[in-house]
Protein backbone atom coordinates (compact mmCIF):
# COMPACT_ATOMS: atom_id res chain seq x y z
CA MET A 1 70.28 28.85 90.89
CA LEU A 2 73.63 27.69 90.52
CA PRO A 3 74.76 31.53 89.55
CA LEU A 4 73.25 32.73 92.43
CA SER A 5 74.85 30.61 95.20
CA LEU A 6 78.16 31.31 93.46
CA ALA A 7 77.48 35.13 93.65
CA ALA A 8 76.43 35.10 97.33
CA GLN A 9 79.65 32.69 97.99
CA GLU A 10 81.93 35.27 95.93
CA THR A 11 79.94 38.25 98.18
CA ALA A 12 80.58 36.51 101.69
CA GLN A 13 84.57 35.69 100.90
CA GLN A 14 85.04 39.84 99.31
CA ALA A 15 83.29 40.33 102.48
CA ARG A 16 85.73 38.74 104.77
CA GLU A 17 89.03 39.83 103.12
CA THR A 18 87.69 43.30 103.41
CA ALA A 19 87.56 42.90 107.06
CA ALA A 20 90.39 41.37 106.82
CA ARG A 21 92.17 43.86 105.80
CA ALA A 22 90.09 46.48 107.66
CA PRO A 23 91.53 48.40 110.64
CA ASP A 24 89.96 47.42 114.17
CA THR A 25 88.26 50.71 114.96
CA LEU A 26 87.57 49.83 118.29
CA GLY A 27 90.85 48.56 119.17
CA THR A 28 92.57 52.07 117.75
CA LEU A 29 90.34 54.12 119.61
CA LEU A 30 90.73 52.19 122.82
CA SER A 31 94.47 52.20 122.16
CA LEU A 32 94.14 56.27 121.43
CA GLY A 33 92.06 57.06 124.69
CA VAL A 34 94.33 54.83 126.92
CA GLY A 35 97.46 57.05 125.48
CA LEU A 36 95.58 60.17 126.10
CA LEU A 37 94.49 59.69 129.45
CA ALA A 38 98.40 58.50 130.14
CA VAL A 39 99.57 61.87 128.56
CA VAL A 40 97.13 63.89 131.03
CA ALA A 41 98.14 61.92 133.73
CA ILE A 42 101.61 62.78 133.56
CA ILE A 43 101.05 66.52 132.93
CA TYR A 44 98.94 66.16 136.07
CA GLY A 45 101.70 64.44 137.94
CA CYS A 46 104.45 67.04 136.61
CA ALA A 47 102.28 69.88 138.09
CA TRP A 48 101.75 68.04 141.30
CA LEU A 49 105.33 67.59 141.75
CA ILE A 50 106.32 71.11 140.66
CA ARG A 51 103.72 72.61 143.27
CA ARG A 52 105.68 69.72 146.05
CA MET A 53 108.62 71.37 145.28
CA ASN A 54 107.79 75.18 145.38
CA GLY A 55 106.46 74.72 148.56
CA MET A 56 109.35 73.36 150.30
CA THR A 57 111.53 75.90 149.19
CA GLY A 58 109.40 78.53 151.37
CA ILE A 59 108.83 76.77 154.81
CA ASN A 60 109.87 79.85 156.85
CA ASN A 61 108.36 82.91 155.39
CA HIS A 62 108.39 84.89 158.48
CA ALA A 63 112.13 84.72 159.07
CA ILE A 64 113.17 87.70 156.63
CA ARG A 65 111.05 90.51 155.80
CA VAL A 66 111.52 92.97 153.13
CA VAL A 67 110.59 96.57 154.45
CA SER A 68 110.97 98.39 151.64
CA VAL A 69 112.46 98.88 147.96
CA LEU A 70 113.61 101.58 145.91
CA ALA A 71 115.05 101.81 142.71
CA ILE A 72 118.04 104.12 141.92
CA GLY A 73 118.33 103.10 138.35
CA ALA A 74 117.62 100.76 135.87
CA ARG A 75 118.78 97.76 137.53
CA GLU A 76 120.06 99.18 140.69
CA ARG A 77 117.71 98.86 143.99
CA ILE A 78 117.87 99.71 147.74
CA ALA A 79 115.87 97.18 150.11
CA LEU A 80 115.51 97.51 153.38
CA ILE A 81 115.05 93.85 155.20
CA GLU A 82 113.91 92.92 158.74
CA VAL A 83 115.69 90.11 159.93
CA GLY A 84 115.39 88.93 163.57
CA GLY A 85 114.74 92.10 165.04
CA GLN A 86 117.19 94.25 163.11
CA GLN A 87 116.86 96.37 160.15
CA ILE A 88 119.81 95.86 157.24
CA LEU A 89 119.99 98.11 154.00
CA LEU A 90 121.07 96.41 151.15
CA GLY A 91 122.25 97.76 148.07
CA ILE A 92 121.21 95.31 145.06
CA THR A 93 123.06 95.10 141.91
CA PRO A 94 122.98 93.08 138.62
CA SER A 95 126.50 91.78 139.76
CA GLY A 96 125.78 91.23 143.52
CA ILE A 97 124.21 91.86 146.44
CA ARG A 98 125.98 94.43 149.40
CA THR A 99 125.11 95.25 153.28
CA LEU A 100 124.82 99.04 153.49
CA GLN A 101 124.26 99.68 156.85
CA VAL A 102 122.81 97.30 159.48
CA PHE A 103 120.67 99.20 162.36
CA GLU A 104 120.53 97.55 165.77
CA THR A 105 116.98 99.73 166.41
CA PRO A 106 114.18 99.78 163.88
CA VAL A 107 114.28 102.70 161.58
CA VAL A 108 110.89 101.72 160.11
CA ASP A 109 107.96 100.94 161.83
CA THR A 110 106.59 97.72 159.87
CA ASN A 111 103.49 97.23 161.97
CA ASP A 112 102.16 100.95 160.80
CA ALA A 113 101.15 99.53 156.94
CA GLY A 114 99.30 102.77 156.05
CA GLY A 115 101.53 105.55 157.68
CA GLY A 116 101.68 107.40 154.76
CA ASP A 117 99.54 110.80 153.67
CA PHE A 118 98.86 109.18 150.45
CA ALA A 119 97.68 105.81 152.30
CA ARG A 120 95.49 107.95 154.76
CA LYS A 121 93.93 110.01 151.79
CA LEU A 122 93.52 106.64 149.62
CA GLN A 123 91.58 104.82 152.54
CA ALA A 124 89.31 107.84 152.86
CA MET A 125 88.21 107.46 149.45
CA ILE A 126 87.28 104.20 149.62
CA GLY A 127 85.51 104.56 152.55
CA LYS A 128 83.33 106.92 150.65
CA SER A 129 80.72 105.91 148.15
CA TRP A 130 81.79 106.18 144.45
CA SER A 131 78.20 106.27 142.73
CA ALA A 132 76.73 109.81 141.61
CA PRO A 133 74.51 111.81 144.05
CA GLU A 134 71.02 111.36 144.20
CA ARG A 135 68.17 113.57 142.38
CA LYS A 136 65.30 114.11 144.21
CA ASP A 137 63.09 115.77 141.65
C-alpha cells in the first residue's frame, strides 16, 4: 500500500510542476483579445479622423464650379471655371496655372446640362426599351 501512496504523491507533484510551467491559456487569450480590440479601435479612430479632416476642406463647394475641361497635350489642359458669375479660362500645365481670359458674360450656359447633340441622342436611347421585340407567332 505504501508504494501506491508514493506513486500517487509523485504523480500529484508532477502535475503541480507541469501546471506551474504551463502557460496560462485564459490569460493569454484575454491578452490577445484586448490587443486585437485596441488595434481595431485605433484603425476605426484614424478612419473617422481622416473623414472629418476631408470634410473640412470642402466647406463651400458651390463657390467655384468647373464648367468644362479640354486636354491639349499629354499633360496640358485648358479649363473653363465659373466664379461669382464670371467665367475664367485657365491654362493648366505641370509647372503652373495661368489665367488666359476672364469673361464678364458667361460664354457657356452652365444650366444646360445636356445641350449637345450626343446628349440628346443618348437621352432618347435611354428612354427606349433595350429588350428584343416580342414575337407574335
